[in-house]
């Protein structure tokens, strides 16, 4: 039996699951400290956020204001995004989403279970 992997859970919420919204290639153009977690990430639409990176993409018409974990995945650099964000938002509980587990590829026709 395998352990549940939370690294992919964020992909099932908000704009992550919407066609036409790019997942990679975003750039952080600004960051704002709200002083308290008074906003909700516009990408996953679930995470309360205090530190708000403004993310821009050439193929998307809107600037999205996101949490550090979503921003990290959007720009393909979770460590840089976590360094921008605050400890409350990017602490160990939040960053479990940022640490992909190594998974060996499974050949077609095999289950991958040992």
N, C-alpha and C. Protein backbone atom coordinates (compact mmCIF):
# COMPACT_ATOMS: atom_id res chain seq x y z
N UNK A 1 0.85 -1.18 0.00
CA UNK A 1 0.00 0.00 0.00
C UNK A 1 0.89 1.24 0.00
N UNK A 2 0.50 2.26 -0.74
CA UNK A 2 1.30 3.46 -0.81
C UNK A 2 0.67 4.56 0.05
N UNK A 3 1.52 5.47 0.52
CA UNK A 3 1.06 6.60 1.31
C UNK A 3 0.44 7.64 0.39
N UNK A 4 -0.61 8.33 0.87
CA UNK A 4 -1.25 9.39 0.09
C UNK A 4 -0.25 10.49 -0.20
N UNK A 5 -0.18 10.94 -1.43
CA UNK A 5 0.76 11.98 -1.84
C UNK A 5 0.02 13.29 -2.02
N UNK A 6 0.24 14.25 -1.09
CA UNK A 6 -0.42 15.55 -1.14
C UNK A 6 0.17 16.47 -2.19
N UNK A 7 1.28 16.11 -2.83
CA UNK A 7 1.94 17.03 -3.75
C UNK A 7 1.08 17.37 -4.94
N UNK A 8 0.11 16.52 -5.29
CA UNK A 8 -0.72 16.78 -6.45
C UNK A 8 -2.11 17.29 -6.10
N UNK A 9 -2.43 17.37 -4.81
CA UNK A 9 -3.76 17.78 -4.39
C UNK A 9 -4.14 19.17 -4.89
N UNK A 10 -3.19 20.09 -4.92
CA UNK A 10 -3.52 21.45 -5.32
C UNK A 10 -4.00 21.51 -6.76
N UNK A 11 -3.66 20.54 -7.59
CA UNK A 11 -4.03 20.55 -9.01
C UNK A 11 -5.52 20.33 -9.24
N UNK A 12 -6.25 19.96 -8.20
CA UNK A 12 -7.67 19.65 -8.36
C UNK A 12 -8.57 20.81 -7.95
N UNK A 13 -8.01 21.97 -7.64
CA UNK A 13 -8.79 23.08 -7.11
C UNK A 13 -8.60 24.33 -7.94
N UNK A 14 -9.62 25.17 -7.92
CA UNK A 14 -9.54 26.50 -8.51
C UNK A 14 -9.10 26.50 -9.96
N UNK A 15 -8.24 27.44 -10.28
CA UNK A 15 -7.78 27.61 -11.65
C UNK A 15 -6.82 26.52 -12.09
N UNK A 16 -6.25 25.76 -11.15
CA UNK A 16 -5.40 24.63 -11.53
C UNK A 16 -6.19 23.63 -12.38
N UNK A 17 -7.47 23.52 -12.15
CA UNK A 17 -8.28 22.53 -12.86
C UNK A 17 -9.02 23.12 -14.06
N UNK A 18 -8.81 24.39 -14.35
CA UNK A 18 -9.53 25.05 -15.45
C UNK A 18 -8.72 25.01 -16.74
N UNK A 19 -9.35 24.59 -17.83
CA UNK A 19 -8.66 24.60 -19.13
C UNK A 19 -8.29 26.05 -19.50
N UNK A 20 -7.14 26.20 -20.13
CA UNK A 20 -6.72 27.51 -20.60
C UNK A 20 -5.90 28.31 -19.61
N UNK A 21 -5.76 27.82 -18.38
CA UNK A 21 -4.94 28.51 -17.40
C UNK A 21 -3.57 27.81 -17.36
N UNK A 22 -2.50 28.52 -17.76
CA UNK A 22 -1.17 27.88 -17.76
C UNK A 22 -0.76 27.46 -16.35
N UNK A 23 -0.05 26.35 -16.26
CA UNK A 23 0.45 25.87 -14.98
C UNK A 23 1.89 26.30 -14.73
N UNK A 24 2.67 26.50 -15.76
CA UNK A 24 4.09 26.87 -15.64
C UNK A 24 4.34 28.12 -16.47
N UNK A 25 5.52 28.72 -16.26
CA UNK A 25 5.94 29.84 -17.07
C UNK A 25 5.49 31.21 -16.56
N UNK A 26 5.01 31.27 -15.32
CA UNK A 26 4.57 32.52 -14.72
C UNK A 26 5.78 33.26 -14.14
N UNK A 27 5.64 34.58 -14.00
CA UNK A 27 6.68 35.42 -13.41
C UNK A 27 6.08 36.24 -12.29
N UNK A 28 6.78 36.32 -11.17
CA UNK A 28 6.35 37.17 -10.07
C UNK A 28 6.79 38.60 -10.38
N UNK A 29 5.81 39.51 -10.47
CA UNK A 29 6.12 40.90 -10.80
C UNK A 29 6.04 41.84 -9.60
N UNK A 30 5.49 41.35 -8.50
CA UNK A 30 5.37 42.17 -7.30
C UNK A 30 4.96 41.26 -6.15
N UNK A 31 5.15 41.71 -4.93
CA UNK A 31 4.66 40.97 -3.77
C UNK A 31 4.20 41.98 -2.73
N UNK A 32 3.10 41.64 -2.08
CA UNK A 32 2.54 42.53 -1.07
C UNK A 32 2.36 41.76 0.23
N UNK A 33 2.70 42.41 1.35
CA UNK A 33 2.46 41.86 2.68
C UNK A 33 1.20 42.52 3.20
N UNK A 34 0.13 41.74 3.36
CA UNK A 34 -1.14 42.27 3.84
C UNK A 34 -1.16 42.49 5.36
N UNK A 35 -0.13 41.99 6.05
CA UNK A 35 -0.06 42.14 7.50
C UNK A 35 -0.78 41.02 8.25
N UNK A 36 -1.69 40.35 7.59
CA UNK A 36 -2.45 39.22 8.16
C UNK A 36 -3.00 38.42 6.97
N UNK A 37 -3.33 37.15 7.19
CA UNK A 37 -3.88 36.35 6.09
C UNK A 37 -5.31 36.80 5.73
N UNK A 38 -5.41 37.89 4.95
CA UNK A 38 -6.69 38.50 4.63
C UNK A 38 -7.13 38.30 3.19
N UNK A 39 -6.48 37.42 2.45
CA UNK A 39 -6.86 37.17 1.05
C UNK A 39 -6.84 35.66 0.82
N UNK A 40 -7.38 35.26 -0.32
CA UNK A 40 -7.39 33.85 -0.71
C UNK A 40 -6.63 33.75 -2.04
N UNK A 41 -5.80 32.75 -2.15
CA UNK A 41 -5.03 32.52 -3.38
C UNK A 41 -5.98 32.44 -4.58
N UNK A 42 -5.66 33.21 -5.62
CA UNK A 42 -6.52 33.22 -6.81
C UNK A 42 -6.25 32.03 -7.74
N UNK A 43 -5.20 31.24 -7.48
CA UNK A 43 -4.93 30.08 -8.32
C UNK A 43 -5.65 28.84 -7.77
N UNK A 44 -5.39 28.48 -6.52
CA UNK A 44 -6.06 27.29 -5.95
C UNK A 44 -7.42 27.65 -5.37
N UNK A 45 -7.62 28.91 -5.06
CA UNK A 45 -8.88 29.41 -4.50
C UNK A 45 -9.24 28.75 -3.17
N UNK A 46 -8.20 28.35 -2.43
CA UNK A 46 -8.42 27.68 -1.14
C UNK A 46 -7.58 28.25 -0.01
N UNK A 47 -6.32 28.58 -0.31
CA UNK A 47 -5.36 28.96 0.73
C UNK A 47 -5.52 30.41 1.15
N UNK A 48 -5.68 30.64 2.46
CA UNK A 48 -5.65 32.01 3.00
C UNK A 48 -4.21 32.48 2.93
N UNK A 49 -4.01 33.71 2.48
CA UNK A 49 -2.65 34.20 2.27
C UNK A 49 -2.44 35.58 2.89
N UNK A 50 -1.23 35.80 3.36
CA UNK A 50 -0.79 37.10 3.86
C UNK A 50 0.18 37.73 2.87
N UNK A 51 1.18 36.96 2.45
CA UNK A 51 2.16 37.43 1.47
C UNK A 51 1.61 37.09 0.09
N UNK A 52 1.44 38.10 -0.76
CA UNK A 52 0.70 37.91 -1.99
C UNK A 52 1.56 38.23 -3.22
N UNK A 53 2.18 37.22 -3.81
CA UNK A 53 2.89 37.45 -5.07
C UNK A 53 1.89 37.72 -6.20
N UNK A 54 2.19 38.73 -7.00
CA UNK A 54 1.39 39.01 -8.21
C UNK A 54 2.07 38.28 -9.36
N UNK A 55 1.35 37.32 -9.96
CA UNK A 55 1.92 36.45 -10.98
C UNK A 55 1.37 36.81 -12.36
N UNK A 56 2.28 36.92 -13.33
CA UNK A 56 1.91 37.30 -14.69
C UNK A 56 2.39 36.23 -15.67
N UNK A 57 1.58 36.00 -16.71
CA UNK A 57 1.92 35.02 -17.75
C UNK A 57 1.57 35.62 -19.11
N UNK A 58 2.46 35.44 -20.08
CA UNK A 58 2.26 36.01 -21.42
C UNK A 58 1.01 35.46 -22.10
N UNK A 59 0.59 34.25 -21.75
CA UNK A 59 -0.56 33.61 -22.40
C UNK A 59 -1.83 33.65 -21.55
N UNK A 60 -1.86 34.51 -20.53
CA UNK A 60 -3.05 34.63 -19.69
C UNK A 60 -3.33 36.11 -19.48
N UNK A 61 -4.57 36.53 -19.64
CA UNK A 61 -4.88 37.96 -19.64
C UNK A 61 -4.84 38.65 -18.28
N UNK A 62 -4.94 37.89 -17.19
CA UNK A 62 -5.04 38.49 -15.87
C UNK A 62 -3.77 38.26 -15.06
N UNK A 63 -3.49 39.19 -14.16
CA UNK A 63 -2.46 38.98 -13.14
C UNK A 63 -3.15 38.30 -11.97
N UNK A 64 -2.57 37.18 -11.51
CA UNK A 64 -3.17 36.44 -10.40
C UNK A 64 -2.39 36.72 -9.12
N UNK A 65 -3.10 36.88 -8.03
CA UNK A 65 -2.51 37.10 -6.71
C UNK A 65 -2.63 35.79 -5.95
N UNK A 66 -1.48 35.19 -5.66
CA UNK A 66 -1.44 33.80 -5.21
C UNK A 66 -0.70 33.64 -3.90
N UNK A 67 -0.80 32.46 -3.33
CA UNK A 67 0.00 32.09 -2.18
C UNK A 67 1.37 31.60 -2.64
N UNK A 68 2.29 31.47 -1.70
CA UNK A 68 3.67 31.13 -2.08
C UNK A 68 3.79 29.74 -2.68
N UNK A 69 3.00 28.79 -2.25
CA UNK A 69 3.11 27.43 -2.80
C UNK A 69 2.62 27.40 -4.24
N UNK A 70 1.46 27.97 -4.51
CA UNK A 70 0.97 28.02 -5.89
C UNK A 70 1.93 28.83 -6.76
N UNK A 71 2.39 29.98 -6.26
CA UNK A 71 3.34 30.80 -7.02
C UNK A 71 4.60 30.00 -7.35
N UNK A 72 5.07 29.23 -6.40
CA UNK A 72 6.26 28.41 -6.64
C UNK A 72 6.06 27.39 -7.74
N UNK A 73 4.91 26.76 -7.74
CA UNK A 73 4.62 25.79 -8.80
C UNK A 73 4.42 26.50 -10.13
N UNK A 74 3.81 27.67 -10.11
CA UNK A 74 3.55 28.42 -11.33
C UNK A 74 4.84 28.88 -12.00
N UNK A 75 5.85 29.24 -11.20
CA UNK A 75 7.13 29.67 -11.77
C UNK A 75 8.17 28.55 -11.74
N UNK A 76 7.75 27.36 -11.33
CA UNK A 76 8.63 26.18 -11.28
C UNK A 76 9.84 26.39 -10.39
N UNK A 77 9.64 27.12 -9.28
CA UNK A 77 10.71 27.32 -8.31
C UNK A 77 10.09 27.57 -6.94
N UNK A 78 9.74 26.49 -6.26
CA UNK A 78 9.05 26.59 -4.98
C UNK A 78 9.94 27.21 -3.91
N UNK A 79 11.25 26.90 -3.94
CA UNK A 79 12.15 27.46 -2.92
C UNK A 79 12.20 28.98 -3.02
N UNK A 80 12.29 29.53 -4.23
CA UNK A 80 12.33 30.99 -4.39
C UNK A 80 11.01 31.60 -3.91
N UNK A 81 9.89 30.98 -4.23
CA UNK A 81 8.60 31.50 -3.80
C UNK A 81 8.47 31.45 -2.28
N UNK A 82 8.94 30.37 -1.67
CA UNK A 82 8.87 30.24 -0.21
C UNK A 82 9.76 31.29 0.46
N UNK A 83 10.90 31.61 -0.15
CA UNK A 83 11.77 32.63 0.41
C UNK A 83 11.12 34.01 0.38
N UNK A 84 10.28 34.27 -0.63
CA UNK A 84 9.55 35.53 -0.73
C UNK A 84 8.44 35.60 0.30
N UNK A 85 7.78 34.45 0.55
CA UNK A 85 6.63 34.42 1.44
C UNK A 85 7.06 34.40 2.89
N UNK A 86 6.09 34.49 3.79
CA UNK A 86 6.37 34.52 5.22
C UNK A 86 6.35 33.13 5.83
N UNK A 87 6.90 33.02 7.01
CA UNK A 87 6.99 31.75 7.71
C UNK A 87 5.62 31.15 8.00
N UNK A 88 4.62 31.99 8.27
CA UNK A 88 3.28 31.47 8.59
C UNK A 88 2.69 30.71 7.41
N UNK A 89 2.92 31.22 6.23
CA UNK A 89 2.31 30.67 5.03
C UNK A 89 3.14 29.52 4.44
N UNK A 90 4.44 29.61 4.61
CA UNK A 90 5.34 28.67 3.94
C UNK A 90 6.05 27.78 4.93
N UNK A 91 5.43 27.53 6.05
CA UNK A 91 6.03 26.67 7.06
C UNK A 91 5.94 25.21 6.65
N UNK A 92 6.37 24.32 7.51
CA UNK A 92 6.42 22.89 7.18
C UNK A 92 5.09 22.31 6.71
N UNK A 93 3.98 22.71 7.29
CA UNK A 93 2.69 22.14 6.89
C UNK A 93 2.35 22.55 5.46
N UNK A 94 2.57 23.80 5.11
CA UNK A 94 2.27 24.26 3.75
C UNK A 94 3.25 23.67 2.76
N UNK A 95 4.51 23.60 3.13
CA UNK A 95 5.53 23.17 2.18
C UNK A 95 5.53 21.67 1.91
N UNK A 96 4.71 20.90 2.64
CA UNK A 96 4.60 19.48 2.27
C UNK A 96 4.07 19.37 0.84
N UNK A 97 3.30 20.36 0.40
CA UNK A 97 2.80 20.37 -0.97
C UNK A 97 3.92 20.70 -1.96
N UNK A 98 4.97 21.32 -1.48
CA UNK A 98 6.03 21.79 -2.36
C UNK A 98 7.12 20.76 -2.58
N UNK A 99 7.09 19.66 -1.85
CA UNK A 99 8.16 18.68 -1.95
C UNK A 99 7.67 17.44 -2.70
N UNK A 100 7.84 17.42 -4.02
CA UNK A 100 7.41 16.23 -4.76
C UNK A 100 8.19 15.00 -4.32
N UNK A 101 7.50 13.92 -4.22
CA UNK A 101 8.12 12.65 -3.88
C UNK A 101 8.69 12.01 -5.14
N UNK A 102 9.81 11.32 -5.01
CA UNK A 102 10.36 10.59 -6.15
C UNK A 102 9.49 9.38 -6.41
N UNK A 103 9.07 9.25 -7.63
CA UNK A 103 8.23 8.12 -8.02
C UNK A 103 8.86 7.48 -9.23
N UNK A 104 9.14 6.20 -9.12
CA UNK A 104 9.73 5.48 -10.25
C UNK A 104 8.69 5.31 -11.34
N UNK A 105 9.09 5.48 -12.61
CA UNK A 105 8.12 5.29 -13.69
C UNK A 105 7.62 3.85 -13.73
N UNK A 106 6.38 3.69 -14.11
CA UNK A 106 5.76 2.36 -14.19
C UNK A 106 5.55 2.04 -15.67
N UNK A 107 6.01 0.86 -16.07
CA UNK A 107 5.85 0.45 -17.47
C UNK A 107 4.38 0.17 -17.75
N UNK A 108 3.93 0.44 -18.99
CA UNK A 108 2.53 0.15 -19.35
C UNK A 108 2.19 -1.31 -19.04
N UNK A 109 1.01 -1.50 -18.48
CA UNK A 109 0.56 -2.86 -18.17
C UNK A 109 0.96 -3.33 -16.78
N UNK A 110 1.77 -2.54 -16.04
CA UNK A 110 2.17 -2.92 -14.69
C UNK A 110 1.47 -2.01 -13.70
N UNK A 111 1.19 -2.51 -12.51
CA UNK A 111 0.47 -1.74 -11.51
C UNK A 111 1.35 -0.81 -10.71
N UNK A 112 2.63 -1.12 -10.59
CA UNK A 112 3.52 -0.30 -9.78
C UNK A 112 3.52 -0.70 -8.31
N UNK A 113 2.66 -1.63 -7.89
CA UNK A 113 2.62 -2.10 -6.51
C UNK A 113 3.56 -3.27 -6.36
N UNK A 114 4.23 -3.32 -5.24
CA UNK A 114 5.20 -4.39 -4.99
C UNK A 114 4.56 -5.47 -4.15
